[in-house]
N, C-alpha and C. Protein backbone atom coordinates (compact mmCIF):
# COMPACT_ATOMS: atom_id res chain seq x y z
N MET A 1 267.40 -0.64 153.57
CA MET A 1 266.10 -0.16 152.75
C MET A 1 265.98 0.82 152.28
N SER A 2 265.86 1.00 151.18
CA SER A 2 265.63 2.49 150.88
C SER A 2 263.71 2.30 151.53
N GLN A 3 263.46 3.90 151.33
CA GLN A 3 261.66 3.98 151.34
C GLN A 3 260.74 4.60 150.69
N CYS A 4 259.63 4.59 150.43
CA CYS A 4 259.34 5.28 149.62
C CYS A 4 259.02 6.53 149.35
N THR A 5 259.49 7.43 148.78
CA THR A 5 260.06 8.98 148.35
C THR A 5 258.22 9.41 148.85
N ALA A 6 256.84 9.33 148.72
CA ALA A 6 255.51 9.74 149.00
C ALA A 6 255.23 9.22 150.70
N ARG A 7 256.12 9.23 151.12
CA ARG A 7 255.96 8.07 152.86
C ARG A 7 255.64 8.81 154.02
N ARG A 8 255.34 10.69 153.12
CA ARG A 8 254.99 11.20 154.31
C ARG A 8 253.56 12.37 153.39
N ARG A 9 252.77 11.47 152.88
CA ARG A 9 251.46 12.09 152.24
C ARG A 9 251.15 12.51 153.16
N LYS A 10 249.68 13.74 152.71
CA LYS A 10 248.81 13.94 154.12
C LYS A 10 248.01 13.13 154.29
N THR A 11 247.12 12.40 153.22
CA THR A 11 246.24 11.35 153.11
C THR A 11 246.42 10.47 152.92
N ILE A 12 247.00 10.12 151.51
CA ILE A 12 247.51 8.53 151.37
C ILE A 12 248.33 7.52 151.60
N ARG A 13 248.23 7.00 152.63
CA ARG A 13 249.31 6.20 153.88
C ARG A 13 250.60 5.06 152.06
N CYS A 14 251.35 4.81 152.85
CA CYS A 14 252.26 3.17 152.31
C CYS A 14 251.28 2.32 152.20
N GLU A 15 251.69 1.43 151.02
CA GLU A 15 251.18 0.10 151.24
C GLU A 15 251.24 -0.88 149.98
N GLY A 16 252.25 -2.11 150.08
CA GLY A 16 252.64 -3.25 149.18
C GLY A 16 254.56 -2.70 149.43
N LYS A 17 254.85 -3.30 149.03
CA LYS A 17 256.65 -4.11 149.12
C LYS A 17 257.44 -2.81 148.03
N TYR A 18 258.18 -2.12 148.24
CA TYR A 18 258.82 -1.21 147.80
C TYR A 18 259.37 -1.12 146.37
N VAL A 19 259.27 -0.11 145.45
CA VAL A 19 259.17 -0.98 143.76
C VAL A 19 260.94 0.24 143.60
N PRO A 20 261.54 -0.78 144.18
CA PRO A 20 263.25 0.61 143.51
C PRO A 20 263.41 1.66 141.67
N SER A 21 262.80 0.89 141.08
CA SER A 21 262.71 1.18 139.77
C SER A 21 261.77 2.44 140.32
N GLU A 22 261.06 3.14 141.15
CA GLU A 22 259.51 4.10 140.51
C GLU A 22 259.57 5.01 141.94
N GLY A 23 260.92 4.35 142.70
CA GLY A 23 261.28 5.03 144.40
C GLY A 23 259.73 5.38 145.36
N LEU A 24 259.16 4.21 144.94
CA LEU A 24 257.74 4.05 145.81
C LEU A 24 257.17 3.00 146.02
N CYS A 25 256.32 2.89 146.85
CA CYS A 25 255.94 1.34 147.38
C CYS A 25 254.77 1.28 146.61
N LEU A 26 253.64 -0.08 146.39
CA LEU A 26 253.30 -0.70 145.17
C LEU A 26 251.60 0.32 145.11
N ARG A 27 251.58 0.78 145.53
CA ARG A 27 250.62 1.97 146.57
C ARG A 27 250.39 2.78 145.55
N HIS A 28 251.98 3.80 146.07
CA HIS A 28 251.84 4.78 145.59
C HIS A 28 252.99 4.63 143.72
N ALA A 29 253.55 3.58 143.39
CA ALA A 29 253.11 3.39 142.59
C ALA A 29 252.16 3.45 141.32
N VAL A 30 251.83 2.48 141.65
CA VAL A 30 250.33 1.87 141.54
C VAL A 30 249.39 3.80 140.82
N LEU A 31 249.51 4.22 141.55
CA LEU A 31 248.94 5.54 141.72
C LEU A 31 249.54 6.86 140.80
N PHE A 32 250.67 6.24 140.75
CA PHE A 32 251.18 7.28 140.21
C PHE A 32 251.35 6.85 138.74
N ASP A 33 251.19 5.62 138.07
CA ASP A 33 250.78 4.89 136.84
C ASP A 33 249.93 5.91 136.79
N VAL A 34 248.47 6.05 137.64
CA VAL A 34 247.13 6.53 137.04
C VAL A 34 247.34 8.21 136.98
N TRP A 35 248.25 8.68 137.30
CA TRP A 35 248.34 9.92 137.41
C TRP A 35 248.26 10.25 136.17
N ILE A 36 249.98 9.93 135.71
CA ILE A 36 250.23 9.75 134.50
C ILE A 36 249.52 9.41 133.64
N ASP A 37 248.37 8.81 133.94
CA ASP A 37 247.59 8.27 132.55
C ASP A 37 246.76 9.37 132.15
N ASN A 38 245.98 9.80 133.80
CA ASN A 38 245.03 10.91 133.28
C ASN A 38 245.63 12.19 133.36
N GLY A 39 246.68 12.49 132.07
CA GLY A 39 246.77 13.49 131.89
C GLY A 39 247.98 14.49 133.26
N GLY A 40 248.76 13.95 134.48
CA GLY A 40 250.55 13.86 134.98
C GLY A 40 250.98 14.28 133.92
N PHE A 41 251.15 13.04 132.89
CA PHE A 41 251.98 13.05 131.18
C PHE A 41 252.17 14.41 131.48
N ARG A 42 251.65 15.33 131.85
CA ARG A 42 251.70 17.16 130.97
C ARG A 42 252.99 17.67 130.86
N VAL A 43 253.79 16.97 132.87
CA VAL A 43 254.89 17.48 133.66
C VAL A 43 255.85 16.95 132.77
N TYR A 44 255.93 16.22 131.21
CA TYR A 44 257.02 15.94 130.47
C TYR A 44 256.88 16.53 129.65
N ALA A 45 256.18 17.83 129.02
CA ALA A 45 256.26 18.31 128.04
C ALA A 45 257.66 20.07 128.48
N PHE A 46 257.48 19.52 130.01
CA PHE A 46 258.93 20.99 130.15
C PHE A 46 259.71 20.16 130.16
N ASN A 47 260.80 21.01 128.65
CA ASN A 47 261.66 20.82 128.10
C ASN A 47 262.24 22.38 127.17
N PRO A 48 263.11 22.67 129.31
CA PRO A 48 264.01 23.72 128.76
C PRO A 48 265.27 23.29 127.90
N LYS A 49 265.47 24.84 127.18
CA LYS A 49 266.30 24.50 125.93
C LYS A 49 267.48 23.96 126.44
N LYS A 50 268.42 24.43 128.05
CA LYS A 50 269.87 24.17 128.30
C LYS A 50 269.92 22.94 128.35
N VAL A 51 268.80 22.03 128.36
CA VAL A 51 269.25 20.75 129.43
C VAL A 51 268.40 19.62 128.43
N GLU A 52 269.86 18.68 127.78
CA GLU A 52 269.63 17.64 126.64
C GLU A 52 268.69 16.77 127.14
N ASN A 53 267.70 15.81 126.75
CA ASN A 53 266.33 14.62 126.91
C ASN A 53 266.43 15.40 128.18
N PRO A 54 265.97 16.44 128.89
CA PRO A 54 265.42 16.78 129.77
C PRO A 54 264.35 15.60 131.29
N THR A 55 263.07 15.09 130.09
CA THR A 55 262.39 14.06 130.35
C THR A 55 262.92 13.15 130.97
N ILE A 56 263.78 12.54 130.74
CA ILE A 56 265.18 10.98 130.67
C ILE A 56 265.40 10.82 132.12
N GLY A 57 264.39 10.18 133.35
CA GLY A 57 264.31 10.15 134.31
C GLY A 57 265.52 10.74 135.27
N ASP A 58 267.05 10.09 135.12
CA ASP A 58 267.89 10.54 135.94
C ASP A 58 269.13 12.00 135.11
N ARG A 59 268.35 11.40 133.42
CA ARG A 59 269.05 12.91 133.38
C ARG A 59 268.56 14.45 133.78
N ASN A 60 267.49 14.57 133.92
CA ASN A 60 266.97 15.44 135.14
C ASN A 60 267.67 16.15 135.15
N PRO A 61 267.40 17.46 135.77
CA PRO A 61 268.45 18.25 137.13
C PRO A 61 267.01 18.49 138.21
N GLY A 62 268.31 18.41 139.41
CA GLY A 62 267.06 18.37 140.45
C GLY A 62 265.89 19.10 140.48
N GLN A 63 266.16 19.99 139.87
CA GLN A 63 265.07 20.86 140.11
C GLN A 63 263.82 21.05 139.04
N LEU A 64 264.14 20.13 138.16
CA LEU A 64 263.08 19.36 137.59
C LEU A 64 262.16 18.07 138.06
N ARG A 65 263.16 16.94 138.62
CA ARG A 65 262.77 15.80 139.07
C ARG A 65 261.51 16.38 140.50
N ARG A 66 262.08 17.65 141.30
CA ARG A 66 261.41 17.60 142.79
C ARG A 66 260.67 18.56 141.90
N TRP A 67 260.13 19.67 140.86
CA TRP A 67 258.98 19.82 140.33
C TRP A 67 258.50 18.83 140.20
N LYS A 68 258.56 17.92 139.30
CA LYS A 68 257.50 16.51 138.81
C LYS A 68 257.11 15.84 140.08
N ARG A 69 258.24 15.90 140.82
CA ARG A 69 257.34 15.07 142.13
C ARG A 69 256.44 16.24 143.18
N ALA A 70 256.66 16.87 143.25
CA ALA A 70 255.61 17.84 143.58
C ALA A 70 254.44 18.27 142.86
N GLN A 71 254.35 17.88 141.42
CA GLN A 71 253.06 18.50 141.11
C GLN A 71 252.13 16.58 141.12
N PHE A 72 253.09 15.38 141.48
CA PHE A 72 252.22 14.36 142.01
C PHE A 72 251.83 14.21 143.42
N HIS A 73 252.88 14.86 144.30
CA HIS A 73 252.16 14.59 145.23
C HIS A 73 251.06 15.76 145.57
N LYS A 74 250.67 17.55 144.16
CA LYS A 74 249.67 17.95 144.90
C LYS A 74 248.96 17.01 144.50
N TRP A 75 248.61 16.23 143.40
CA TRP A 75 247.50 15.49 143.07
C TRP A 75 247.30 14.34 143.60
N LEU A 76 248.01 13.97 144.69
CA LEU A 76 247.89 12.97 145.95
C LEU A 76 247.45 13.69 146.90
N ASP A 77 247.71 14.68 147.36
CA ASP A 77 247.28 15.46 148.24
C ASP A 77 245.65 15.58 148.54
N ARG A 78 245.39 15.67 147.30
CA ARG A 78 243.68 15.64 146.69
C ARG A 78 242.99 14.46 146.07
N LEU A 79 243.53 13.36 147.03
CA LEU A 79 242.90 12.00 146.79
C LEU A 79 242.27 11.95 148.27
N THR A 80 241.45 11.22 147.96
CA THR A 80 240.66 10.93 149.96
C THR A 80 240.69 8.84 149.41
N GLU A 81 241.04 8.16 150.60
CA GLU A 81 241.10 6.93 150.57
C GLU A 81 239.53 6.35 149.95
N ASP A 82 238.98 6.75 149.87
CA ASP A 82 238.11 6.42 149.26
C ASP A 82 238.35 6.21 147.30
N ASP A 83 238.87 7.38 147.09
CA ASP A 83 239.37 7.78 145.12
C ASP A 83 240.12 6.71 145.31
N VAL A 84 241.59 6.47 146.37
CA VAL A 84 242.27 4.91 146.31
C VAL A 84 241.28 3.73 146.37
N GLN A 85 240.50 3.41 146.77
CA GLN A 85 240.73 2.33 146.71
C GLN A 85 239.28 2.31 145.18
N ARG A 86 239.10 2.96 144.81
CA ARG A 86 238.33 2.66 143.35
C ARG A 86 239.09 2.27 142.10
N ILE A 87 240.45 3.66 142.55
CA ILE A 87 241.16 3.59 141.55
C ILE A 87 241.39 1.77 142.08
N MET A 88 242.62 2.09 143.00
CA MET A 88 242.13 0.49 143.44
C MET A 88 241.84 -0.61 142.90
N ASN A 89 240.98 -1.03 142.67
CA ASN A 89 239.81 -2.12 142.25
C ASN A 89 239.13 -1.68 140.91
N SER A 90 240.12 -0.55 140.37
CA SER A 90 239.51 -0.29 138.42
C SER A 90 240.45 -1.22 137.80
């Protein structure tokens, strides 16, 4: 069984079933979608000249995948449980 890649975050614990397509638990997958919708999409503007289709998931070079994940985790670590509850209830 795979585990959520955000399971070791400082503030927001895992919750819900594992979502294989996202590599996250349901809670972190929802938060990822919210992050993308609220400005996180800017990480997809990264386009190094030597990488064809750089922002297409599995085709991302490892360094770019790690960088994108780090940007999401920074945002996640700024949330409180109250923030998450507000997001999940909206």
